[in-house]
Amino acid sequence: MAETAARRTNRRGQATRENMLEAALRSLASGEPGSVSANRIAKDIGATWGAVQYQFGDADGFWAAVLHRTAERRADVFASVDRDAPLRDRVAAIIDTLYEGLAAPDSRAIENLRAALPRDPAELERLYPQAAAELYSWGQSWLQICHNAFADLGVDPERVREVATLIPGAMRGLVSERQLGSFADLDVARRGLTNALVAYLQT
């Protein structure tokens, strides 16, 4: 009997945790002032700050869990990169995937969260060590994705690292242009970026 009650309690606790994470992503994606507030998010779903602390420990643990949730969702997003395709097609697939993905609600949520966290890495690690560790893990995973995408093509690993470092910022710029209503042809921009990266990786 006690074991059954414990399972029910665990299921309720897990459901509460899931609801909090989903509420956080919705709030963050809205970009509204004050959306980066664990206390506000708790209130949005009728919980208390104490409930957030019980589930995540503190705001750092909460934001780290939010970051981890989005990482889980996008774990297979680059599975569509064809390992039998030529270099140009692989680069284009990565560019196109990011172009679509960075406009998704989860991506907007993370952009807003990152904008609210300390910019200085040392300060971020001091104040939000769990969130900093999660973001660091993201960077390592992204680098590995890029190395895996070109592993069989004999591309210089250092050039892959440079390209991997460049691509996310470049794509955020193009996505921002799309959201602002750019007069530029962004299909041409993506094609130009793809061609430039391919030429660099082939050198």
N, C-alpha and C. Protein backbone atom coordinates (compact mmCIF):
# COMPACT_ATOMS: atom_id res chain seq x y z
N MET A 1 0.82 -1.21 0.00
CA MET A 1 0.00 0.00 0.00
C MET A 1 0.86 1.27 0.00
N ALA A 2 1.89 1.23 0.88
CA ALA A 2 2.79 2.39 0.96
C ALA A 2 3.54 2.57 -0.35
N GLU A 3 3.92 1.44 -0.98
CA GLU A 3 4.64 1.51 -2.26
C GLU A 3 3.77 2.12 -3.35
N THR A 4 2.49 1.75 -3.37
CA THR A 4 1.55 2.31 -4.35
C THR A 4 1.39 3.81 -4.16
N ALA A 5 1.25 4.22 -2.89
CA ALA A 5 1.12 5.65 -2.59
C ALA A 5 2.37 6.41 -3.01
N ALA A 6 3.54 5.79 -2.80
CA ALA A 6 4.80 6.44 -3.19
C ALA A 6 4.87 6.63 -4.70
N ARG A 7 4.39 5.58 -5.45
CA ARG A 7 4.41 5.70 -6.91
C ARG A 7 3.50 6.84 -7.37
N ARG A 8 2.32 6.92 -6.73
CA ARG A 8 1.39 8.01 -7.09
C ARG A 8 2.01 9.36 -6.80
N THR A 9 2.68 9.46 -5.65
CA THR A 9 3.34 10.72 -5.27
C THR A 9 4.43 11.07 -6.26
N ASN A 10 5.22 10.04 -6.66
CA ASN A 10 6.29 10.28 -7.62
C ASN A 10 5.74 10.74 -8.97
N ARG A 11 4.62 10.11 -9.39
CA ARG A 11 4.01 10.51 -10.65
C ARG A 11 3.50 11.95 -10.57
N ARG A 12 2.90 12.30 -9.45
CA ARG A 12 2.43 13.68 -9.28
C ARG A 12 3.60 14.66 -9.29
N GLY A 13 4.68 14.27 -8.60
CA GLY A 13 5.86 15.13 -8.58
C GLY A 13 6.47 15.30 -9.96
N GLN A 14 6.52 14.22 -10.72
CA GLN A 14 7.05 14.29 -12.08
C GLN A 14 6.16 15.14 -12.97
N ALA A 15 4.84 15.01 -12.80
CA ALA A 15 3.90 15.82 -13.58
C ALA A 15 4.06 17.29 -13.25
N THR A 16 4.25 17.59 -11.96
CA THR A 16 4.47 18.98 -11.55
C THR A 16 5.73 19.53 -12.18
N ARG A 17 6.78 18.73 -12.16
CA ARG A 17 8.06 19.14 -12.75
C ARG A 17 7.89 19.41 -14.25
N GLU A 18 7.22 18.49 -14.94
CA GLU A 18 7.00 18.66 -16.38
C GLU A 18 6.20 19.93 -16.66
N ASN A 19 5.15 20.16 -15.87
CA ASN A 19 4.32 21.36 -16.06
C ASN A 19 5.13 22.63 -15.87
N MET A 20 6.01 22.63 -14.88
CA MET A 20 6.85 23.81 -14.63
C MET A 20 7.79 24.07 -15.79
N LEU A 21 8.39 23.01 -16.32
CA LEU A 21 9.32 23.19 -17.44
C LEU A 21 8.60 23.69 -18.68
N GLU A 22 7.43 23.14 -18.96
CA GLU A 22 6.67 23.59 -20.12
C GLU A 22 6.19 25.03 -19.95
N ALA A 23 5.77 25.37 -18.73
CA ALA A 23 5.35 26.75 -18.45
C ALA A 23 6.52 27.71 -18.63
N ALA A 24 7.70 27.28 -18.21
CA ALA A 24 8.89 28.11 -18.35
C ALA A 24 9.19 28.37 -19.82
N LEU A 25 9.11 27.33 -20.64
CA LEU A 25 9.41 27.50 -22.06
C LEU A 25 8.38 28.40 -22.74
N ARG A 26 7.11 28.25 -22.37
CA ARG A 26 6.08 29.13 -22.95
C ARG A 26 6.32 30.59 -22.54
N SER A 27 6.61 30.79 -21.27
CA SER A 27 6.83 32.15 -20.77
C SER A 27 8.05 32.79 -21.41
N LEU A 28 9.14 32.02 -21.45
CA LEU A 28 10.38 32.55 -22.04
C LEU A 28 10.21 32.84 -23.53
N ALA A 29 9.49 31.98 -24.23
CA ALA A 29 9.30 32.18 -25.67
C ALA A 29 8.48 33.43 -25.97
N SER A 30 7.64 33.84 -25.02
CA SER A 30 6.81 35.03 -25.23
C SER A 30 7.65 36.30 -25.30
N GLY A 31 8.82 36.28 -24.63
CA GLY A 31 9.67 37.45 -24.61
C GLY A 31 9.12 38.60 -23.79
N GLU A 32 8.07 38.36 -23.03
CA GLU A 32 7.46 39.43 -22.23
C GLU A 32 8.40 39.86 -21.10
N PRO A 33 8.35 41.14 -20.70
CA PRO A 33 9.15 41.58 -19.57
C PRO A 33 8.83 40.74 -18.34
N GLY A 34 9.85 40.33 -17.65
CA GLY A 34 9.65 39.53 -16.45
C GLY A 34 9.45 38.06 -16.71
N SER A 35 9.56 37.64 -17.99
CA SER A 35 9.33 36.22 -18.29
C SER A 35 10.43 35.34 -17.71
N VAL A 36 11.63 35.91 -17.52
CA VAL A 36 12.73 35.14 -16.93
C VAL A 36 12.64 35.25 -15.41
N SER A 37 11.62 34.64 -14.87
CA SER A 37 11.38 34.66 -13.42
C SER A 37 10.79 33.32 -13.02
N ALA A 38 11.57 32.56 -12.27
CA ALA A 38 11.08 31.25 -11.82
C ALA A 38 9.85 31.42 -10.92
N ASN A 39 9.85 32.49 -10.13
CA ASN A 39 8.73 32.74 -9.23
C ASN A 39 7.46 33.03 -10.03
N ARG A 40 7.58 33.85 -11.07
CA ARG A 40 6.42 34.17 -11.90
C ARG A 40 5.91 32.93 -12.62
N ILE A 41 6.81 32.11 -13.12
CA ILE A 41 6.41 30.90 -13.83
C ILE A 41 5.66 29.96 -12.89
N ALA A 42 6.15 29.84 -11.66
CA ALA A 42 5.45 29.02 -10.67
C ALA A 42 4.03 29.52 -10.47
N LYS A 43 3.88 30.82 -10.34
CA LYS A 43 2.55 31.40 -10.13
C LYS A 43 1.64 31.15 -11.32
N ASP A 44 2.22 31.17 -12.54
CA ASP A 44 1.43 30.96 -13.75
C ASP A 44 0.73 29.60 -13.75
N ILE A 45 1.33 28.63 -13.08
CA ILE A 45 0.70 27.31 -13.05
C ILE A 45 0.13 27.00 -11.67
N GLY A 46 -0.02 28.04 -10.85
CA GLY A 46 -0.64 27.87 -9.54
C GLY A 46 0.24 27.19 -8.52
N ALA A 47 1.56 27.28 -8.69
CA ALA A 47 2.49 26.70 -7.73
C ALA A 47 3.14 27.81 -6.91
N THR A 48 3.98 27.43 -6.00
CA THR A 48 4.70 28.39 -5.16
C THR A 48 6.19 28.30 -5.45
N TRP A 49 6.92 29.32 -4.98
CA TRP A 49 8.37 29.27 -5.12
C TRP A 49 8.94 28.07 -4.37
N GLY A 50 8.30 27.72 -3.27
CA GLY A 50 8.72 26.54 -2.52
C GLY A 50 8.61 25.27 -3.34
N ALA A 51 7.57 25.19 -4.18
CA ALA A 51 7.40 24.02 -5.04
C ALA A 51 8.52 23.95 -6.08
N VAL A 52 8.92 25.12 -6.61
CA VAL A 52 10.05 25.16 -7.55
C VAL A 52 11.32 24.68 -6.87
N GLN A 53 11.54 25.18 -5.66
CA GLN A 53 12.74 24.78 -4.91
C GLN A 53 12.73 23.27 -4.62
N TYR A 54 11.55 22.74 -4.33
CA TYR A 54 11.46 21.31 -4.04
C TYR A 54 11.85 20.49 -5.28
N GLN A 55 11.43 20.94 -6.44
CA GLN A 55 11.70 20.20 -7.68
C GLN A 55 13.11 20.44 -8.22
N PHE A 56 13.61 21.68 -8.10
CA PHE A 56 14.85 22.04 -8.80
C PHE A 56 15.95 22.58 -7.89
N GLY A 57 15.65 22.84 -6.64
CA GLY A 57 16.65 23.35 -5.72
C GLY A 57 16.68 24.85 -5.62
N ASP A 58 16.88 25.51 -6.76
CA ASP A 58 16.92 26.97 -6.80
C ASP A 58 16.74 27.41 -8.25
N ALA A 59 16.87 28.72 -8.49
CA ALA A 59 16.68 29.24 -9.86
C ALA A 59 17.72 28.66 -10.81
N ASP A 60 18.95 28.48 -10.34
CA ASP A 60 19.99 27.91 -11.19
C ASP A 60 19.60 26.50 -11.63
N GLY A 61 19.13 25.69 -10.69
CA GLY A 61 18.71 24.35 -11.04
C GLY A 61 17.52 24.35 -11.98
N PHE A 62 16.63 25.31 -11.81
CA PHE A 62 15.46 25.43 -12.67
C PHE A 62 15.88 25.76 -14.09
N TRP A 63 16.72 26.79 -14.26
CA TRP A 63 17.15 27.18 -15.61
C TRP A 63 17.98 26.08 -16.25
N ALA A 64 18.80 25.38 -15.47
CA ALA A 64 19.57 24.27 -16.03
C ALA A 64 18.64 23.18 -16.54
N ALA A 65 17.56 22.91 -15.81
CA ALA A 65 16.59 21.90 -16.24
C ALA A 65 15.87 22.34 -17.51
N VAL A 66 15.57 23.63 -17.62
CA VAL A 66 14.94 24.16 -18.84
C VAL A 66 15.89 23.96 -20.02
N LEU A 67 17.15 24.30 -19.85
CA LEU A 67 18.13 24.13 -20.91
C LEU A 67 18.26 22.65 -21.30
N HIS A 68 18.27 21.79 -20.31
CA HIS A 68 18.40 20.36 -20.58
C HIS A 68 17.19 19.83 -21.34
N ARG A 69 16.00 20.34 -20.98
CA ARG A 69 14.79 19.90 -21.67
C ARG A 69 14.89 20.19 -23.17
N THR A 70 15.32 21.40 -23.53
CA THR A 70 15.41 21.73 -24.95
C THR A 70 16.51 20.92 -25.63
N ALA A 71 17.58 20.61 -24.89
CA ALA A 71 18.65 19.79 -25.46
C ALA A 71 18.13 18.39 -25.78
N GLU A 72 17.29 17.85 -24.91
CA GLU A 72 16.70 16.53 -25.16
C GLU A 72 15.82 16.55 -26.40
N ARG A 73 15.08 17.62 -26.56
CA ARG A 73 14.16 17.70 -27.70
C ARG A 73 14.88 17.78 -29.04
N ARG A 74 16.04 18.41 -29.04
CA ARG A 74 16.72 18.59 -30.32
C ARG A 74 17.85 17.58 -30.52
N ALA A 75 17.88 16.54 -29.68
CA ALA A 75 18.99 15.58 -29.72
C ALA A 75 19.18 14.97 -31.11
N ASP A 76 18.08 14.73 -31.82
CA ASP A 76 18.18 14.06 -33.12
C ASP A 76 17.91 15.00 -34.30
N VAL A 77 17.96 16.31 -34.03
CA VAL A 77 17.56 17.25 -35.07
C VAL A 77 18.49 17.21 -36.28
N PHE A 78 19.76 16.83 -36.08
CA PHE A 78 20.69 16.79 -37.21
C PHE A 78 20.87 15.38 -37.76
N ALA A 79 19.97 14.48 -37.37
CA ALA A 79 20.04 13.11 -37.89
C ALA A 79 19.78 13.07 -39.39
N SER A 80 19.17 14.14 -39.90
CA SER A 80 18.84 14.18 -41.33
C SER A 80 20.05 14.49 -42.21
N VAL A 81 21.19 14.83 -41.60
CA VAL A 81 22.40 15.10 -42.39
C VAL A 81 22.88 13.77 -42.96
N ASP A 82 22.83 13.66 -44.28
CA ASP A 82 23.16 12.41 -44.98
C ASP A 82 24.67 12.21 -45.00
N ARG A 83 25.12 11.16 -44.32
CA ARG A 83 26.57 10.88 -44.25
C ARG A 83 27.14 10.37 -45.57
N ASP A 84 26.26 10.08 -46.54
CA ASP A 84 26.73 9.65 -47.86
C ASP A 84 26.73 10.80 -48.86
N ALA A 85 26.24 11.96 -48.44
CA ALA A 85 26.13 13.10 -49.35
C ALA A 85 27.47 13.82 -49.48
N PRO A 86 27.64 14.58 -50.56
CA PRO A 86 28.87 15.37 -50.71
C PRO A 86 28.92 16.50 -49.68
N LEU A 87 30.09 17.09 -49.52
CA LEU A 87 30.32 18.12 -48.50
C LEU A 87 29.30 19.24 -48.60
N ARG A 88 29.06 19.74 -49.81
CA ARG A 88 28.16 20.88 -49.95
C ARG A 88 26.76 20.57 -49.43
N ASP A 89 26.27 19.38 -49.73
CA ASP A 89 24.93 19.01 -49.28
C ASP A 89 24.87 18.89 -47.76
N ARG A 90 25.94 18.44 -47.16
CA ARG A 90 25.96 18.31 -45.70
C ARG A 90 25.96 19.69 -45.04
N VAL A 91 26.77 20.58 -45.58
CA VAL A 91 26.79 21.94 -45.03
C VAL A 91 25.43 22.60 -45.21
N ALA A 92 24.85 22.45 -46.38
CA ALA A 92 23.53 23.05 -46.65
C ALA A 92 22.48 22.50 -45.70
N ALA A 93 22.54 21.19 -45.40
CA ALA A 93 21.56 20.58 -44.50
C ALA A 93 21.68 21.18 -43.10
N ILE A 94 22.90 21.40 -42.63
CA ILE A 94 23.11 22.01 -41.31
C ILE A 94 22.59 23.44 -41.29
N ILE A 95 22.91 24.20 -42.34
CA ILE A 95 22.46 25.60 -42.44
C ILE A 95 20.93 25.65 -42.46
N ASP A 96 20.30 24.83 -43.28
CA ASP A 96 18.84 24.85 -43.41
C ASP A 96 18.16 24.43 -42.10
N THR A 97 18.72 23.42 -41.44
CA THR A 97 18.15 22.95 -40.18
C THR A 97 18.18 24.04 -39.12
N LEU A 98 19.30 24.73 -39.02
CA LEU A 98 19.41 25.82 -38.05
C LEU A 98 18.49 26.98 -38.42
N TYR A 99 18.38 27.28 -39.70
CA TYR A 99 17.55 28.39 -40.16
C TYR A 99 16.11 28.19 -39.73
N GLU A 100 15.63 26.96 -39.83
CA GLU A 100 14.26 26.67 -39.40
C GLU A 100 14.18 26.55 -37.88
N GLY A 101 15.13 25.87 -37.29
CA GLY A 101 15.07 25.58 -35.86
C GLY A 101 15.21 26.79 -34.97
N LEU A 102 16.01 27.78 -35.38
CA LEU A 102 16.24 28.95 -34.53
C LEU A 102 15.03 29.86 -34.42
N ALA A 103 14.04 29.64 -35.26
CA ALA A 103 12.81 30.43 -35.17
C ALA A 103 11.74 29.71 -34.35
N ALA A 104 12.02 28.49 -33.90
CA ALA A 104 11.04 27.71 -33.14
C ALA A 104 10.88 28.27 -31.73
N PRO A 105 9.74 28.01 -31.08
CA PRO A 105 9.50 28.54 -29.73
C PRO A 105 10.59 28.18 -28.72
N ASP A 106 11.07 26.93 -28.74
CA ASP A 106 12.12 26.54 -27.80
C ASP A 106 13.36 27.40 -27.98
N SER A 107 13.72 27.66 -29.23
CA SER A 107 14.90 28.48 -29.50
C SER A 107 14.70 29.91 -29.02
N ARG A 108 13.51 30.47 -29.26
CA ARG A 108 13.23 31.82 -28.76
C ARG A 108 13.31 31.85 -27.24
N ALA A 109 12.80 30.80 -26.61
CA ALA A 109 12.84 30.74 -25.15
C ALA A 109 14.28 30.76 -24.64
N ILE A 110 15.13 29.98 -25.26
CA ILE A 110 16.52 29.91 -24.81
C ILE A 110 17.26 31.21 -25.10
N GLU A 111 16.96 31.85 -26.22
CA GLU A 111 17.59 33.14 -26.51
C GLU A 111 17.23 34.16 -25.42
N ASN A 112 15.97 34.18 -25.03
CA ASN A 112 15.54 35.12 -23.99
C ASN A 112 16.16 34.79 -22.64
N LEU A 113 16.28 33.50 -22.34
CA LEU A 113 16.92 33.12 -21.08
C LEU A 113 18.39 33.51 -21.09
N ARG A 114 19.07 33.21 -22.17
CA ARG A 114 20.50 33.56 -22.26
C ARG A 114 20.73 35.06 -22.16
N ALA A 115 19.81 35.83 -22.74
CA ALA A 115 19.94 37.29 -22.68
C ALA A 115 19.82 37.81 -21.25
N ALA A 116 19.11 37.07 -20.39
CA ALA A 116 18.91 37.50 -19.02
C ALA A 116 20.02 37.02 -18.08
N LEU A 117 20.76 36.01 -18.49
CA LEU A 117 21.84 35.48 -17.67
C LEU A 117 23.10 36.32 -17.86
N PRO A 118 24.03 36.26 -16.91
CA PRO A 118 25.27 37.04 -17.06
C PRO A 118 26.02 36.71 -18.35
N ARG A 119 26.55 37.75 -19.01
CA ARG A 119 27.28 37.54 -20.27
C ARG A 119 28.70 37.00 -20.01
N ASP A 120 29.30 37.47 -18.93
CA ASP A 120 30.67 37.07 -18.63
C ASP A 120 30.69 35.61 -18.16
N PRO A 121 31.46 34.74 -18.83
CA PRO A 121 31.45 33.32 -18.46
C PRO A 121 31.81 33.07 -17.00
N ALA A 122 32.79 33.81 -16.48
CA ALA A 122 33.19 33.61 -15.08
C ALA A 122 32.05 33.99 -14.13
N GLU A 123 31.36 35.07 -14.45
CA GLU A 123 30.22 35.50 -13.63
C GLU A 123 29.07 34.50 -13.74
N LEU A 124 28.84 34.00 -14.94
CA LEU A 124 27.79 33.00 -15.13
C LEU A 124 28.09 31.74 -14.32
N GLU A 125 29.33 31.29 -14.36
CA GLU A 125 29.71 30.09 -13.61
C GLU A 125 29.61 30.31 -12.11
N ARG A 126 29.88 31.53 -11.66
CA ARG A 126 29.81 31.82 -10.22
C ARG A 126 28.36 31.86 -9.73
N LEU A 127 27.49 32.51 -10.50
CA LEU A 127 26.11 32.70 -10.06
C LEU A 127 25.17 31.57 -10.47
N TYR A 128 25.44 30.97 -11.62
CA TYR A 128 24.56 29.92 -12.15
C TYR A 128 25.41 28.73 -12.63
N PRO A 129 26.09 28.04 -11.72
CA PRO A 129 27.01 26.98 -12.15
C PRO A 129 26.34 25.84 -12.92
N GLN A 130 25.12 25.47 -12.54
CA GLN A 130 24.45 24.38 -13.25
C GLN A 130 24.03 24.79 -14.66
N ALA A 131 23.50 26.00 -14.79
CA ALA A 131 23.13 26.50 -16.11
C ALA A 131 24.37 26.66 -16.99
N ALA A 132 25.46 27.14 -16.40
CA ALA A 132 26.71 27.31 -17.14
C ALA A 132 27.21 25.95 -17.64
N ALA A 133 27.12 24.93 -16.79
CA ALA A 133 27.56 23.59 -17.18
C ALA A 133 26.70 23.05 -18.33
N GLU A 134 25.41 23.33 -18.28
CA GLU A 134 24.52 22.87 -19.34
C GLU A 134 24.85 23.56 -20.66
N LEU A 135 25.10 24.86 -20.62
CA LEU A 135 25.45 25.59 -21.83
C LEU A 135 26.80 25.11 -22.38
N TYR A 136 27.74 24.84 -21.50
CA TYR A 136 29.03 24.30 -21.94
C TYR A 136 28.83 22.95 -22.64
N SER A 137 27.95 22.14 -22.06
CA SER A 137 27.65 20.84 -22.66
C SER A 137 27.06 21.01 -24.05
N TRP A 138 26.20 22.03 -24.21
CA TRP A 138 25.65 22.32 -25.53
C TRP A 138 26.76 22.57 -26.54
N GLY A 139 27.71 23.41 -26.14
CA GLY A 139 28.80 23.76 -27.04
C GLY A 139 29.60 22.54 -27.46
N GLN A 140 29.87 21.65 -26.49
CA GLN A 140 30.62 20.44 -26.80
C GLN A 140 29.82 19.51 -27.72
N SER A 141 28.53 19.41 -27.47
CA SER A 141 27.68 18.56 -28.32
C SER A 141 27.62 19.08 -29.74
N TRP A 142 27.51 20.41 -29.88
CA TRP A 142 27.45 21.01 -31.21
C TRP A 142 28.75 20.77 -31.98
N LEU A 143 29.87 20.92 -31.30
CA LEU A 143 31.15 20.68 -31.94
C LEU A 143 31.26 19.24 -32.39
N GLN A 144 30.78 18.32 -31.57
CA GLN A 144 30.82 16.91 -31.93
C GLN A 144 29.92 16.61 -33.12
N ILE A 145 28.75 17.26 -33.16
CA ILE A 145 27.84 17.09 -34.30
C ILE A 145 28.55 17.48 -35.59
N CYS A 146 29.24 18.60 -35.57
CA CYS A 146 29.93 19.08 -36.78
C CYS A 146 31.09 18.16 -37.16
N HIS A 147 31.85 17.71 -36.18
CA HIS A 147 32.94 16.77 -36.49
C HIS A 147 32.39 15.48 -37.08
N ASN A 148 31.30 14.98 -36.50
CA ASN A 148 30.70 13.74 -37.02
C ASN A 148 30.17 13.92 -38.44
N ALA A 149 29.64 15.11 -38.73
CA ALA A 149 29.05 15.36 -40.05
C ALA A 149 30.08 15.27 -41.16
N PHE A 150 31.35 15.58 -40.85
CA PHE A 150 32.38 15.63 -41.89
C PHE A 150 33.52 14.63 -41.66
N ALA A 151 33.31 13.72 -40.71
CA ALA A 151 34.41 12.85 -40.26
C ALA A 151 35.04 12.02 -41.37
N ASP A 152 34.24 11.61 -42.35
CA ASP A 152 34.75 10.70 -43.39
C ASP A 152 35.26 11.44 -44.62
N LEU A 153 35.30 12.77 -44.57
CA LEU A 153 35.66 13.54 -45.77
C LEU A 153 37.08 14.08 -45.74
N GLY A 154 37.80 13.78 -44.67
CA GLY A 154 39.18 14.24 -44.59
C GLY A 154 39.33 15.74 -44.41
N VAL A 155 38.30 16.39 -43.83
CA VAL A 155 38.35 17.83 -43.60
C VAL A 155 39.23 18.13 -42.38
N ASP A 156 40.03 19.19 -42.47
CA ASP A 156 40.89 19.61 -41.37
C ASP A 156 40.05 19.83 -40.10
N PRO A 157 40.30 19.10 -39.01
CA PRO A 157 39.50 19.25 -37.79
C PRO A 157 39.50 20.67 -37.22
N GLU A 158 40.61 21.38 -37.38
CA GLU A 158 40.66 22.75 -36.87
C GLU A 158 39.73 23.66 -37.68
N ARG A 159 39.63 23.42 -38.97
CA ARG A 159 38.70 24.20 -39.79
C ARG A 159 37.25 23.85 -39.45
N VAL A 160 37.00 22.60 -39.16
CA VAL A 160 35.66 22.21 -38.72
C VAL A 160 35.32 22.95 -37.43
N ARG A 161 36.27 23.01 -36.50
CA ARG A 161 36.02 23.71 -35.23
C ARG A 161 35.72 25.19 -35.48
N GLU A 162 36.47 25.82 -36.38
CA GLU A 162 36.24 27.23 -36.68
C GLU A 162 34.85 27.44 -37.30
N VAL A 163 34.50 26.56 -38.24
CA VAL A 163 33.19 26.67 -38.89
C VAL A 163 32.07 26.41 -37.89
N ALA A 164 32.27 25.43 -37.02
CA ALA A 164 31.26 25.13 -36.00
C ALA A 164 31.05 26.31 -35.07
N THR A 165 32.11 27.03 -34.79
CA THR A 165 32.01 28.21 -33.92
C THR A 165 31.30 29.36 -34.62
N LEU A 166 31.49 29.46 -35.92
CA LEU A 166 30.91 30.56 -36.70
C LEU A 166 29.42 30.37 -36.98
N ILE A 167 29.03 29.15 -37.34
CA ILE A 167 27.69 28.92 -37.88
C ILE A 167 26.55 29.41 -36.98
N PRO A 168 26.51 29.09 -35.68
CA PRO A 168 25.35 29.51 -34.88
C PRO A 168 25.11 31.01 -34.88
N GLY A 169 26.17 31.80 -34.72
CA GLY A 169 26.02 33.25 -34.73
C GLY A 169 25.58 33.77 -36.08
N ALA A 170 26.16 33.21 -37.14
CA ALA A 170 25.77 33.63 -38.49
C ALA A 170 24.30 33.32 -38.75
N MET A 171 23.85 32.16 -38.31
CA MET A 171 22.46 31.79 -38.54
C MET A 171 21.50 32.62 -37.69
N ARG A 172 21.91 32.97 -36.48
CA ARG A 172 21.05 33.86 -35.68
C ARG A 172 20.88 35.20 -36.38
N GLY A 173 21.94 35.66 -37.03
CA GLY A 173 21.84 36.91 -37.77
C GLY A 173 20.84 36.82 -38.90
N LEU A 174 20.87 35.72 -39.65
CA LEU A 174 19.92 35.55 -40.75
C LEU A 174 18.49 35.38 -40.25
N VAL A 175 18.32 34.64 -39.15
CA VAL A 175 16.99 34.46 -38.57
C VAL A 175 16.45 35.79 -38.07
N SER A 176 17.33 36.60 -37.48
CA SER A 176 16.92 37.93 -37.02
C SER A 176 16.48 38.80 -38.19
N GLU A 177 17.21 38.72 -39.30
CA GLU A 177 16.83 39.47 -40.50
C GLU A 177 15.44 39.04 -40.99
N ARG A 178 15.18 37.76 -40.96
CA ARG A 178 13.87 37.25 -41.39
C ARG A 178 12.77 37.80 -40.47
N GLN A 179 13.02 37.79 -39.17
CA GLN A 179 12.01 38.25 -38.22
C GLN A 179 11.77 39.75 -38.33
N LEU A 180 12.80 40.49 -38.70
CA LEU A 180 12.67 41.95 -38.84
C LEU A 180 12.07 42.35 -40.17
N GLY A 181 11.98 41.42 -41.12
CA GLY A 181 11.44 41.74 -42.43
C GLY A 181 12.49 42.34 -43.34
N SER A 182 13.57 41.60 -43.55
CA SER A 182 14.69 42.08 -44.35
C SER A 182 14.29 42.25 -45.81
N PHE A 183 14.90 43.27 -46.46
CA PHE A 183 14.72 43.45 -47.91
C PHE A 183 15.67 42.55 -48.70
N ALA A 184 16.64 41.95 -48.00
CA ALA A 184 17.60 41.06 -48.66
C ALA A 184 16.94 39.72 -48.96
N ASP A 185 17.44 39.06 -49.99
CA ASP A 185 16.98 37.72 -50.32
C ASP A 185 17.76 36.74 -49.42
N LEU A 186 17.10 36.23 -48.41
CA LEU A 186 17.80 35.40 -47.42
C LEU A 186 18.10 34.01 -47.96
N ASP A 187 17.41 33.59 -49.01
CA ASP A 187 17.80 32.33 -49.66
C ASP A 187 19.17 32.49 -50.32
N VAL A 188 19.39 33.65 -50.92
CA VAL A 188 20.70 33.94 -51.51
C VAL A 188 21.76 34.01 -50.42
N ALA A 189 21.40 34.62 -49.30
CA ALA A 189 22.35 34.73 -48.19
C ALA A 189 22.76 33.35 -47.67
N ARG A 190 21.78 32.47 -47.52
CA ARG A 190 22.08 31.12 -47.05
C ARG A 190 22.94 30.37 -48.06
N ARG A 191 22.63 30.55 -49.32
CA ARG A 191 23.41 29.89 -50.36
C ARG A 191 24.85 30.42 -50.36
N GLY A 192 25.00 31.73 -50.19
CA GLY A 192 26.33 32.32 -50.15
C GLY A 192 27.12 31.84 -48.95
N LEU A 193 26.47 31.75 -47.80
CA LEU A 193 27.15 31.26 -46.60
C LEU A 193 27.58 29.80 -46.80
N THR A 194 26.68 29.01 -47.36
CA THR A 194 27.01 27.59 -47.62
C THR A 194 28.21 27.48 -48.54
N ASN A 195 28.20 28.25 -49.63
CA ASN A 195 29.31 28.19 -50.58
C ASN A 195 30.63 28.63 -49.95
N ALA A 196 30.58 29.66 -49.12
CA ALA A 196 31.79 30.16 -48.46
C ALA A 196 32.35 29.11 -47.50
N LEU A 197 31.47 28.48 -46.74
CA LEU A 197 31.95 27.47 -45.79
C LEU A 197 32.50 26.24 -46.50
N VAL A 198 31.86 25.83 -47.57
CA VAL A 198 32.35 24.69 -48.34
C VAL A 198 33.73 25.00 -48.92
N ALA A 199 33.88 26.19 -49.48
CA ALA A 199 35.18 26.57 -50.06
C ALA A 199 36.26 26.57 -49.00
N TYR A 200 35.94 27.05 -47.81
CA TYR A 200 36.93 27.09 -46.72
C TYR A 200 37.29 25.68 -46.24
N LEU A 201 36.28 24.83 -46.11
CA LEU A 201 36.53 23.47 -45.63
C LEU A 201 37.29 22.64 -46.66
N GLN A 202 37.16 22.98 -47.92
CA GLN A 202 37.84 22.22 -48.97
C GLN A 202 39.27 22.69 -49.20
N THR A 203 39.60 23.86 -48.68
CA THR A 203 40.95 24.41 -48.93
C THR A 203 42.03 23.56 -48.30
